[in-house]
Amino acid sequence: QIVDITAIKEAQKELELSEKSYKQL
């Protein structure tokens, strides 16, 4: 059984990038 979590993983990556940018600022 396969549950697609691609959208969740991509959202996590975007959040990590956003948090990294915030941390730098």
mmCIF file of all heavy atoms, coordinates in Angstrom:
data_MODEL
# 
_entry.id   MODEL 
# 
loop_
_atom_site.group_PDB 
_atom_site.id 
_atom_site.type_symbol 
_atom_site.label_atom_id 
_atom_site.label_alt_id 
_atom_site.label_comp_id 
_atom_site.label_asym_id 
_atom_site.label_entity_id 
_atom_site.label_seq_id 
_atom_site.pdbx_PDB_ins_code 
_atom_site.Cartn_x 
_atom_site.Cartn_y 
_atom_site.Cartn_z 
_atom_site.occupancy 
_atom_site.B_iso_or_equiv 
_atom_site.pdbx_formal_charge 
_atom_site.auth_seq_id 
_atom_site.auth_comp_id 
_atom_site.auth_asym_id 
_atom_site.auth_atom_id 
_atom_site.pdbx_PDB_model_num 
ATOM 1   N N   . GLN A 1 1  ? 0.854  -1.188 0.000  1.00 0.00 ? 1  GLN A N   1 
ATOM 2   C CA  . GLN A 1 1  ? 0.000  0.000  0.000  1.00 0.00 ? 1  GLN A CA  1 
ATOM 3   C C   . GLN A 1 1  ? 0.887  1.233  0.000  1.00 0.00 ? 1  GLN A C   1 
ATOM 4   O O   . GLN A 1 1  ? 1.830  1.330  0.773  1.00 0.00 ? 1  GLN A O   1 
ATOM 5   C CB  . GLN A 1 1  ? -0.880 -0.012 1.250  1.00 0.00 ? 1  GLN A CB  1 
ATOM 6   C CG  . GLN A 1 1  ? -1.635 1.267  1.505  1.00 0.00 ? 1  GLN A CG  1 
ATOM 7   C CD  . GLN A 1 1  ? -2.360 1.229  2.835  1.00 0.00 ? 1  GLN A CD  1 
ATOM 8   O OE1 . GLN A 1 1  ? -3.197 0.366  3.069  1.00 0.00 ? 1  GLN A OE1 1 
ATOM 9   N NE2 . GLN A 1 1  ? -2.025 2.153  3.726  1.00 0.00 ? 1  GLN A NE2 1 
ATOM 10  N N   . ILE A 1 2  ? 0.583  2.185  -0.901 1.00 0.00 ? 2  ILE A N   1 
ATOM 11  C CA  . ILE A 1 2  ? 1.408  3.373  -1.087 1.00 0.00 ? 2  ILE A CA  1 
ATOM 12  C C   . ILE A 1 2  ? 0.571  4.627  -0.852 1.00 0.00 ? 2  ILE A C   1 
ATOM 13  O O   . ILE A 1 2  ? -0.453 4.820  -1.499 1.00 0.00 ? 2  ILE A O   1 
ATOM 14  C CB  . ILE A 1 2  ? 1.989  3.419  -2.520 1.00 0.00 ? 2  ILE A CB  1 
ATOM 15  C CG1 . ILE A 1 2  ? 2.743  2.137  -2.856 1.00 0.00 ? 2  ILE A CG1 1 
ATOM 16  C CG2 . ILE A 1 2  ? 2.873  4.645  -2.695 1.00 0.00 ? 2  ILE A CG2 1 
ATOM 17  C CD1 . ILE A 1 2  ? 4.007  1.940  -2.081 1.00 0.00 ? 2  ILE A CD1 1 
ATOM 18  N N   . VAL A 1 3  ? 1.018  5.474  0.092  1.00 0.00 ? 3  VAL A N   1 
ATOM 19  C CA  . VAL A 1 3  ? 0.351  6.758  0.334  1.00 0.00 ? 3  VAL A CA  1 
ATOM 20  C C   . VAL A 1 3  ? 1.292  7.877  -0.115 1.00 0.00 ? 3  VAL A C   1 
ATOM 21  O O   . VAL A 1 3  ? 2.408  8.001  0.396  1.00 0.00 ? 3  VAL A O   1 
ATOM 22  C CB  . VAL A 1 3  ? -0.003 6.930  1.822  1.00 0.00 ? 3  VAL A CB  1 
ATOM 23  C CG1 . VAL A 1 3  ? -0.646 8.291  2.053  1.00 0.00 ? 3  VAL A CG1 1 
ATOM 24  C CG2 . VAL A 1 3  ? -0.937 5.807  2.282  1.00 0.00 ? 3  VAL A CG2 1 
ATOM 25  N N   . ASP A 1 4  ? 0.846  8.673  -1.055 1.00 0.00 ? 4  ASP A N   1 
ATOM 26  C CA  . ASP A 1 4  ? 1.660  9.757  -1.609 1.00 0.00 ? 4  ASP A CA  1 
ATOM 27  C C   . ASP A 1 4  ? 1.822  10.874 -0.570 1.00 0.00 ? 4  ASP A C   1 
ATOM 28  O O   . ASP A 1 4  ? 0.838  11.465 -0.110 1.00 0.00 ? 4  ASP A O   1 
ATOM 29  C CB  . ASP A 1 4  ? 0.974  10.306 -2.865 1.00 0.00 ? 4  ASP A CB  1 
ATOM 30  C CG  . ASP A 1 4  ? 1.783  11.395 -3.555 1.00 0.00 ? 4  ASP A CG  1 
ATOM 31  O OD1 . ASP A 1 4  ? 2.908  11.685 -3.110 1.00 0.00 ? 4  ASP A OD1 1 
ATOM 32  O OD2 . ASP A 1 4  ? 1.274  11.938 -4.553 1.00 0.00 ? 4  ASP A OD2 1 
ATOM 33  N N   . ILE A 1 5  ? 3.068  11.167 -0.183 1.00 0.00 ? 5  ILE A N   1 
ATOM 34  C CA  . ILE A 1 5  ? 3.338  12.264 0.766  1.00 0.00 ? 5  ILE A CA  1 
ATOM 35  C C   . ILE A 1 5  ? 4.270  13.306 0.134  1.00 0.00 ? 5  ILE A C   1 
ATOM 36  O O   . ILE A 1 5  ? 4.911  14.074 0.840  1.00 0.00 ? 5  ILE A O   1 
ATOM 37  C CB  . ILE A 1 5  ? 3.947  11.729 2.078  1.00 0.00 ? 5  ILE A CB  1 
ATOM 38  C CG1 . ILE A 1 5  ? 5.268  10.986 1.805  1.00 0.00 ? 5  ILE A CG1 1 
ATOM 39  C CG2 . ILE A 1 5  ? 2.968  10.849 2.816  1.00 0.00 ? 5  ILE A CG2 1 
ATOM 40  C CD1 . ILE A 1 5  ? 6.055  10.681 3.066  1.00 0.00 ? 5  ILE A CD1 1 
ATOM 41  N N   . THR A 1 6  ? 4.313  13.337 -1.187 1.00 0.00 ? 6  THR A N   1 
ATOM 42  C CA  . THR A 1 6  ? 5.209  14.269 -1.889 1.00 0.00 ? 6  THR A CA  1 
ATOM 43  C C   . THR A 1 6  ? 4.907  15.716 -1.525 1.00 0.00 ? 6  THR A C   1 
ATOM 44  O O   . THR A 1 6  ? 5.825  16.505 -1.266 1.00 0.00 ? 6  THR A O   1 
ATOM 45  C CB  . THR A 1 6  ? 5.091  14.073 -3.412 1.00 0.00 ? 6  THR A CB  1 
ATOM 46  O OG1 . THR A 1 6  ? 5.357  12.701 -3.731 1.00 0.00 ? 6  THR A OG1 1 
ATOM 47  C CG2 . THR A 1 6  ? 6.085  14.963 -4.144 1.00 0.00 ? 6  THR A CG2 1 
ATOM 48  N N   . ALA A 1 7  ? 3.626  16.083 -1.496 1.00 0.00 ? 7  ALA A N   1 
ATOM 49  C CA  . ALA A 1 7  ? 3.259  17.471 -1.186 1.00 0.00 ? 7  ALA A CA  1 
ATOM 50  C C   . ALA A 1 7  ? 3.699  17.845 0.228  1.00 0.00 ? 7  ALA A C   1 
ATOM 51  O O   . ALA A 1 7  ? 4.170  18.971 0.467  1.00 0.00 ? 7  ALA A O   1 
ATOM 52  C CB  . ALA A 1 7  ? 1.748  17.653 -1.331 1.00 0.00 ? 7  ALA A CB  1 
ATOM 53  N N   . ILE A 1 8  ? 3.588  16.904 1.158  1.00 0.00 ? 8  ILE A N   1 
ATOM 54  C CA  . ILE A 1 8  ? 4.006  17.157 2.542  1.00 0.00 ? 8  ILE A CA  1 
ATOM 55  C C   . ILE A 1 8  ? 5.514  17.368 2.608  1.00 0.00 ? 8  ILE A C   1 
ATOM 56  O O   . ILE A 1 8  ? 6.007  18.292 3.266  1.00 0.00 ? 8  ILE A O   1 
ATOM 57  C CB  . ILE A 1 8  ? 3.584  15.994 3.453  1.00 0.00 ? 8  ILE A CB  1 
ATOM 58  C CG1 . ILE A 1 8  ? 2.060  15.897 3.515  1.00 0.00 ? 8  ILE A CG1 1 
ATOM 59  C CG2 . ILE A 1 8  ? 4.171  16.158 4.853  1.00 0.00 ? 8  ILE A CG2 1 
ATOM 60  C CD1 . ILE A 1 8  ? 1.545  14.693 4.268  1.00 0.00 ? 8  ILE A CD1 1 
ATOM 61  N N   . LYS A 1 9  ? 6.269  16.513 1.914  1.00 0.00 ? 9  LYS A N   1 
ATOM 62  C CA  . LYS A 1 9  ? 7.734  16.620 1.922  1.00 0.00 ? 9  LYS A CA  1 
ATOM 63  C C   . LYS A 1 9  ? 8.187  17.939 1.291  1.00 0.00 ? 9  LYS A C   1 
ATOM 64  O O   . LYS A 1 9  ? 9.114  18.582 1.788  1.00 0.00 ? 9  LYS A O   1 
ATOM 65  C CB  . LYS A 1 9  ? 8.353  15.435 1.180  1.00 0.00 ? 9  LYS A CB  1 
ATOM 66  C CG  . LYS A 1 9  ? 8.080  14.076 1.807  1.00 0.00 ? 9  LYS A CG  1 
ATOM 67  C CD  . LYS A 1 9  ? 8.745  13.928 3.162  1.00 0.00 ? 9  LYS A CD  1 
ATOM 68  C CE  . LYS A 1 9  ? 10.239 13.800 3.056  1.00 0.00 ? 9  LYS A CE  1 
ATOM 69  N NZ  . LYS A 1 9  ? 10.867 13.500 4.370  1.00 0.00 ? 9  LYS A NZ  1 
ATOM 70  N N   . GLU A 1 10 ? 7.535  18.341 0.207  1.00 0.00 ? 10 GLU A N   1 
ATOM 71  C CA  . GLU A 1 10 ? 7.907  19.586 -0.453 1.00 0.00 ? 10 GLU A CA  1 
ATOM 72  C C   . GLU A 1 10 ? 7.577  20.789 0.434  1.00 0.00 ? 10 GLU A C   1 
ATOM 73  O O   . GLU A 1 10 ? 8.338  21.767 0.481  1.00 0.00 ? 10 GLU A O   1 
ATOM 74  C CB  . GLU A 1 10 ? 7.193  19.697 -1.799 1.00 0.00 ? 10 GLU A CB  1 
ATOM 75  C CG  . GLU A 1 10 ? 7.721  18.698 -2.829 1.00 0.00 ? 10 GLU A CG  1 
ATOM 76  C CD  . GLU A 1 10 ? 6.980  18.758 -4.146 1.00 0.00 ? 10 GLU A CD  1 
ATOM 77  O OE1 . GLU A 1 10 ? 5.887  19.375 -4.178 1.00 0.00 ? 10 GLU A OE1 1 
ATOM 78  O OE2 . GLU A 1 10 ? 7.464  18.165 -5.134 1.00 0.00 ? 10 GLU A OE2 1 
ATOM 79  N N   . ALA A 1 11 ? 6.450  20.715 1.156  1.00 0.00 ? 11 ALA A N   1 
ATOM 80  C CA  . ALA A 1 11 ? 6.092  21.798 2.077  1.00 0.00 ? 11 ALA A CA  1 
ATOM 81  C C   . ALA A 1 11 ? 7.102  21.886 3.222  1.00 0.00 ? 11 ALA A C   1 
ATOM 82  O O   . ALA A 1 11 ? 7.463  22.985 3.658  1.00 0.00 ? 11 ALA A O   1 
ATOM 83  C CB  . ALA A 1 11 ? 4.683  21.573 2.627  1.00 0.00 ? 11 ALA A CB  1 
ATOM 84  N N   . GLN A 1 12 ? 7.562  20.733 3.692  1.00 0.00 ? 12 GLN A N   1 
ATOM 85  C CA  . GLN A 1 12 ? 8.574  20.718 4.748  1.00 0.00 ? 12 GLN A CA  1 
ATOM 86  C C   . GLN A 1 12 ? 9.869  21.368 4.281  1.00 0.00 ? 12 GLN A C   1 
ATOM 87  O O   . GLN A 1 12 ? 10.499 22.127 5.026  1.00 0.00 ? 12 GLN A O   1 
ATOM 88  C CB  . GLN A 1 12 ? 8.842  19.275 5.193  1.00 0.00 ? 12 GLN A CB  1 
ATOM 89  C CG  . GLN A 1 12 ? 7.726  18.660 6.021  1.00 0.00 ? 12 GLN A CG  1 
ATOM 90  C CD  . GLN A 1 12 ? 7.977  17.204 6.352  1.00 0.00 ? 12 GLN A CD  1 
ATOM 91  O OE1 . GLN A 1 12 ? 8.807  16.532 5.720  1.00 0.00 ? 12 GLN A OE1 1 
ATOM 92  N NE2 . GLN A 1 12 ? 7.276  16.695 7.342  1.00 0.00 ? 12 GLN A NE2 1 
ATOM 93  N N   . LYS A 1 13 ? 10.259 21.079 3.054  1.00 0.00 ? 13 LYS A N   1 
ATOM 94  C CA  . LYS A 1 13 ? 11.476 21.670 2.506  1.00 0.00 ? 13 LYS A CA  1 
ATOM 95  C C   . LYS A 1 13 ? 11.344 23.185 2.390  1.00 0.00 ? 13 LYS A C   1 
ATOM 96  O O   . LYS A 1 13 ? 12.279 23.932 2.713  1.00 0.00 ? 13 LYS A O   1 
ATOM 97  C CB  . LYS A 1 13 ? 11.784 21.057 1.136  1.00 0.00 ? 13 LYS A CB  1 
ATOM 98  C CG  . LYS A 1 13 ? 12.287 19.624 1.191  1.00 0.00 ? 13 LYS A CG  1 
ATOM 99  C CD  . LYS A 1 13 ? 12.597 19.110 -0.203 1.00 0.00 ? 13 LYS A CD  1 
ATOM 100 C CE  . LYS A 1 13 ? 13.120 17.678 -0.158 1.00 0.00 ? 13 LYS A CE  1 
ATOM 101 N NZ  . LYS A 1 13 ? 13.408 17.151 -1.525 1.00 0.00 ? 13 LYS A NZ  1 
ATOM 102 N N   . GLU A 1 14 ? 10.188 23.649 1.930  1.00 0.00 ? 14 GLU A N   1 
ATOM 103 C CA  . GLU A 1 14 ? 9.960  25.092 1.808  1.00 0.00 ? 14 GLU A CA  1 
ATOM 104 C C   . GLU A 1 14 ? 9.988  25.757 3.183  1.00 0.00 ? 14 GLU A C   1 
ATOM 105 O O   . GLU A 1 14 ? 10.525 26.852 3.346  1.00 0.00 ? 14 GLU A O   1 
ATOM 106 C CB  . GLU A 1 14 ? 8.618  25.344 1.122  1.00 0.00 ? 14 GLU A CB  1 
ATOM 107 C CG  . GLU A 1 14 ? 8.609  24.979 -0.357 1.00 0.00 ? 14 GLU A CG  1 
ATOM 108 C CD  . GLU A 1 14 ? 7.272  25.235 -1.006 1.00 0.00 ? 14 GLU A CD  1 
ATOM 109 O OE1 . GLU A 1 14 ? 6.371  25.758 -0.316 1.00 0.00 ? 14 GLU A OE1 1 
ATOM 110 O OE2 . GLU A 1 14 ? 7.116  24.912 -2.200 1.00 0.00 ? 14 GLU A OE2 1 
ATOM 111 N N   . LEU A 1 15 ? 9.404  25.078 4.184  1.00 0.00 ? 15 LEU A N   1 
ATOM 112 C CA  . LEU A 1 15 ? 9.414  25.620 5.541  1.00 0.00 ? 15 LEU A CA  1 
ATOM 113 C C   . LEU A 1 15 ? 10.829 25.693 6.094  1.00 0.00 ? 15 LEU A C   1 
ATOM 114 O O   . LEU A 1 15 ? 11.202 26.684 6.734  1.00 0.00 ? 15 LEU A O   1 
ATOM 115 C CB  . LEU A 1 15 ? 8.545  24.751 6.449  1.00 0.00 ? 15 LEU A CB  1 
ATOM 116 C CG  . LEU A 1 15 ? 8.447  25.187 7.919  1.00 0.00 ? 15 LEU A CG  1 
ATOM 117 C CD1 . LEU A 1 15 ? 7.877  26.597 8.017  1.00 0.00 ? 15 LEU A CD1 1 
ATOM 118 C CD2 . LEU A 1 15 ? 7.595  24.200 8.713  1.00 0.00 ? 15 LEU A CD2 1 
ATOM 119 N N   . GLU A 1 16 ? 11.626 24.649 5.825  1.00 0.00 ? 16 GLU A N   1 
ATOM 120 C CA  . GLU A 1 16 ? 13.010 24.645 6.283  1.00 0.00 ? 16 GLU A CA  1 
ATOM 121 C C   . GLU A 1 16 ? 13.803 25.791 5.660  1.00 0.00 ? 16 GLU A C   1 
ATOM 122 O O   . GLU A 1 16 ? 14.607 26.454 6.325  1.00 0.00 ? 16 GLU A O   1 
ATOM 123 C CB  . GLU A 1 16 ? 13.666 23.299 5.955  1.00 0.00 ? 16 GLU A CB  1 
ATOM 124 C CG  . GLU A 1 16 ? 13.146 22.152 6.803  1.00 0.00 ? 16 GLU A CG  1 
ATOM 125 C CD  . GLU A 1 16 ? 13.619 20.798 6.308  1.00 0.00 ? 16 GLU A CD  1 
ATOM 126 O OE1 . GLU A 1 16 ? 14.369 20.774 5.295  1.00 0.00 ? 16 GLU A OE1 1 
ATOM 127 O OE2 . GLU A 1 16 ? 13.252 19.780 6.908  1.00 0.00 ? 16 GLU A OE2 1 
ATOM 128 N N   . LEU A 1 17 ? 13.559 26.035 4.362  1.00 0.00 ? 17 LEU A N   1 
ATOM 129 C CA  . LEU A 1 17 ? 14.243 27.143 3.689  1.00 0.00 ? 17 LEU A CA  1 
ATOM 130 C C   . LEU A 1 17 ? 13.801 28.483 4.264  1.00 0.00 ? 17 LEU A C   1 
ATOM 131 O O   . LEU A 1 17 ? 14.605 29.391 4.455  1.00 0.00 ? 17 LEU A O   1 
ATOM 132 C CB  . LEU A 1 17 ? 13.960 27.091 2.179  1.00 0.00 ? 17 LEU A CB  1 
ATOM 133 C CG  . LEU A 1 17 ? 14.629 25.968 1.397  1.00 0.00 ? 17 LEU A CG  1 
ATOM 134 C CD1 . LEU A 1 17 ? 14.125 25.948 -0.039 1.00 0.00 ? 17 LEU A CD1 1 
ATOM 135 C CD2 . LEU A 1 17 ? 16.151 26.125 1.420  1.00 0.00 ? 17 LEU A CD2 1 
ATOM 136 N N   . SER A 1 18 ? 12.492 28.587 4.539  1.00 0.00 ? 18 SER A N   1 
ATOM 137 C CA  . SER A 1 18 ? 11.960 29.814 5.109  1.00 0.00 ? 18 SER A CA  1 
ATOM 138 C C   . SER A 1 18 ? 12.539 30.063 6.498  1.00 0.00 ? 18 SER A C   1 
ATOM 139 O O   . SER A 1 18 ? 12.921 31.193 6.833  1.00 0.00 ? 18 SER A O   1 
ATOM 140 C CB  . SER A 1 18 ? 10.434 29.729 5.196  1.00 0.00 ? 18 SER A CB  1 
ATOM 141 O OG  . SER A 1 18 ? 9.898  30.881 5.802  1.00 0.00 ? 18 SER A OG  1 
ATOM 142 N N   . GLU A 1 19 ? 12.612 29.014 7.305  1.00 0.00 ? 19 GLU A N   1 
ATOM 143 C CA  . GLU A 1 19 ? 13.171 29.142 8.650  1.00 0.00 ? 19 GLU A CA  1 
ATOM 144 C C   . GLU A 1 19 ? 14.656 29.499 8.599  1.00 0.00 ? 19 GLU A C   1 
ATOM 145 O O   . GLU A 1 19 ? 15.141 30.289 9.418  1.00 0.00 ? 19 GLU A O   1 
ATOM 146 C CB  . GLU A 1 19 ? 12.967 27.843 9.416  1.00 0.00 ? 19 GLU A CB  1 
ATOM 147 C CG  . GLU A 1 19 ? 11.512 27.582 9.795  1.00 0.00 ? 19 GLU A CG  1 
ATOM 148 C CD  . GLU A 1 19 ? 11.329 26.253 10.502 1.00 0.00 ? 19 GLU A CD  1 
ATOM 149 O OE1 . GLU A 1 19 ? 12.253 25.416 10.437 1.00 0.00 ? 19 GLU A OE1 1 
ATOM 150 O OE2 . GLU A 1 19 ? 10.267 26.060 11.116 1.00 0.00 ? 19 GLU A OE2 1 
ATOM 151 N N   . LYS A 1 20 ? 15.360 28.926 7.631  1.00 0.00 ? 20 LYS A N   1 
ATOM 152 C CA  . LYS A 1 20 ? 16.776 29.232 7.471  1.00 0.00 ? 20 LYS A CA  1 
ATOM 153 C C   . LYS A 1 20 ? 16.977 30.695 7.107  1.00 0.00 ? 20 LYS A C   1 
ATOM 154 O O   . LYS A 1 20 ? 17.867 31.378 7.643  1.00 0.00 ? 20 LYS A O   1 
ATOM 155 C CB  . LYS A 1 20 ? 17.395 28.336 6.403  1.00 0.00 ? 20 LYS A CB  1 
ATOM 156 C CG  . LYS A 1 20 ? 18.895 28.508 6.238  1.00 0.00 ? 20 LYS A CG  1 
ATOM 157 C CD  . LYS A 1 20 ? 19.455 27.538 5.213  1.00 0.00 ? 20 LYS A CD  1 
ATOM 158 C CE  . LYS A 1 20 ? 20.962 27.716 5.056  1.00 0.00 ? 20 LYS A CE  1 
ATOM 159 N NZ  . LYS A 1 20 ? 21.516 26.772 4.040  1.00 0.00 ? 20 LYS A NZ  1 
ATOM 160 N N   . SER A 1 21 ? 16.117 31.205 6.203  1.00 0.00 ? 21 SER A N   1 
ATOM 161 C CA  . SER A 1 21 ? 16.213 32.615 5.800  1.00 0.00 ? 21 SER A CA  1 
ATOM 162 C C   . SER A 1 21 ? 15.894 33.530 6.977  1.00 0.00 ? 21 SER A C   1 
ATOM 163 O O   . SER A 1 21 ? 16.578 34.537 7.202  1.00 0.00 ? 21 SER A O   1 
ATOM 164 C CB  . SER A 1 21 ? 15.239 32.896 4.650  1.00 0.00 ? 21 SER A CB  1 
ATOM 165 O OG  . SER A 1 21 ? 15.592 32.135 3.509  1.00 0.00 ? 21 SER A OG  1 
ATOM 166 N N   . TYR A 1 22 ? 14.844 33.159 7.727  1.00 0.00 ? 22 TYR A N   1 
ATOM 167 C CA  . TYR A 1 22 ? 14.488 33.954 8.905  1.00 0.00 ? 22 TYR A CA  1 
ATOM 168 C C   . TYR A 1 22 ? 15.631 33.979 9.901  1.00 0.00 ? 22 TYR A C   1 
ATOM 169 O O   . TYR A 1 22 ? 15.977 35.035 10.448 1.00 0.00 ? 22 TYR A O   1 
ATOM 170 C CB  . TYR A 1 22 ? 13.235 33.378 9.559  1.00 0.00 ? 22 TYR A CB  1 
ATOM 171 C CG  . TYR A 1 22 ? 13.138 33.698 11.039 1.00 0.00 ? 22 TYR A CG  1 
ATOM 172 C CD1 . TYR A 1 22 ? 12.737 34.958 11.483 1.00 0.00 ? 22 TYR A CD1 1 
ATOM 173 C CD2 . TYR A 1 22 ? 13.489 32.744 11.997 1.00 0.00 ? 22 TYR A CD2 1 
ATOM 174 C CE1 . TYR A 1 22 ? 12.677 35.267 12.836 1.00 0.00 ? 22 TYR A CE1 1 
ATOM 175 C CE2 . TYR A 1 22 ? 13.437 33.035 13.353 1.00 0.00 ? 22 TYR A CE2 1 
ATOM 176 C CZ  . TYR A 1 22 ? 13.021 34.295 13.764 1.00 0.00 ? 22 TYR A CZ  1 
ATOM 177 O OH  . TYR A 1 22 ? 12.979 34.593 15.100 1.00 0.00 ? 22 TYR A OH  1 
ATOM 178 N N   . LYS A 1 23 ? 16.239 32.815 10.141 1.00 0.00 ? 23 LYS A N   1 
ATOM 179 C CA  . LYS A 1 23 ? 17.326 32.710 11.118 1.00 0.00 ? 23 LYS A CA  1 
ATOM 180 C C   . LYS A 1 23 ? 18.508 33.574 10.712 1.00 0.00 ? 23 LYS A C   1 
ATOM 181 O O   . LYS A 1 23 ? 19.143 34.233 11.551 1.00 0.00 ? 23 LYS A O   1 
ATOM 182 C CB  . LYS A 1 23 ? 17.743 31.248 11.259 1.00 0.00 ? 23 LYS A CB  1 
ATOM 183 C CG  . LYS A 1 23 ? 18.762 30.985 12.362 1.00 0.00 ? 23 LYS A CG  1 
ATOM 184 C CD  . LYS A 1 23 ? 18.212 31.326 13.733 1.00 0.00 ? 23 LYS A CD  1 
ATOM 185 C CE  . LYS A 1 23 ? 19.191 30.963 14.820 1.00 0.00 ? 23 LYS A CE  1 
ATOM 186 N NZ  . LYS A 1 23 ? 18.752 31.440 16.150 1.00 0.00 ? 23 LYS A NZ  1 
ATOM 187 N N   . GLN A 1 24 ? 18.798 33.593 9.429  1.00 0.00 ? 24 GLN A N   1 
ATOM 188 C CA  . GLN A 1 24 ? 19.908 34.419 8.943  1.00 0.00 ? 24 GLN A CA  1 
ATOM 189 C C   . GLN A 1 24 ? 19.621 35.901 9.152  1.00 0.00 ? 24 GLN A C   1 
ATOM 190 O O   . GLN A 1 24 ? 20.500 36.664 9.589  1.00 0.00 ? 24 GLN A O   1 
ATOM 191 C CB  . GLN A 1 24 ? 20.163 34.127 7.460  1.00 0.00 ? 24 GLN A CB  1 
ATOM 192 C CG  . GLN A 1 24 ? 20.777 32.762 7.210  1.00 0.00 ? 24 GLN A CG  1 
ATOM 193 C CD  . GLN A 1 24 ? 20.889 32.444 5.734  1.00 0.00 ? 24 GLN A CD  1 
ATOM 194 O OE1 . GLN A 1 24 ? 20.210 33.034 4.896  1.00 0.00 ? 24 GLN A OE1 1 
ATOM 195 N NE2 . GLN A 1 24 ? 21.764 31.502 5.405  1.00 0.00 ? 24 GLN A NE2 1 
ATOM 196 N N   . LEU A 1 25 ? 18.395 36.343 8.862  1.00 0.00 ? 25 LEU A N   1 
ATOM 197 C CA  . LEU A 1 25 ? 18.017 37.739 9.074  1.00 0.00 ? 25 LEU A CA  1 
ATOM 198 C C   . LEU A 1 25 ? 18.035 38.092 10.559 1.00 0.00 ? 25 LEU A C   1 
ATOM 199 O O   . LEU A 1 25 ? 18.496 39.163 10.955 1.00 0.00 ? 25 LEU A O   1 
ATOM 200 C CB  . LEU A 1 25 ? 16.614 38.000 8.500  1.00 0.00 ? 25 LEU A CB  1 
ATOM 201 C CG  . LEU A 1 25 ? 16.496 37.974 6.969  1.00 0.00 ? 25 LEU A CG  1 
ATOM 202 C CD1 . LEU A 1 25 ? 15.028 38.040 6.564  1.00 0.00 ? 25 LEU A CD1 1 
ATOM 203 C CD2 . LEU A 1 25 ? 17.282 39.126 6.356  1.00 0.00 ? 25 LEU A CD2 1 
# 
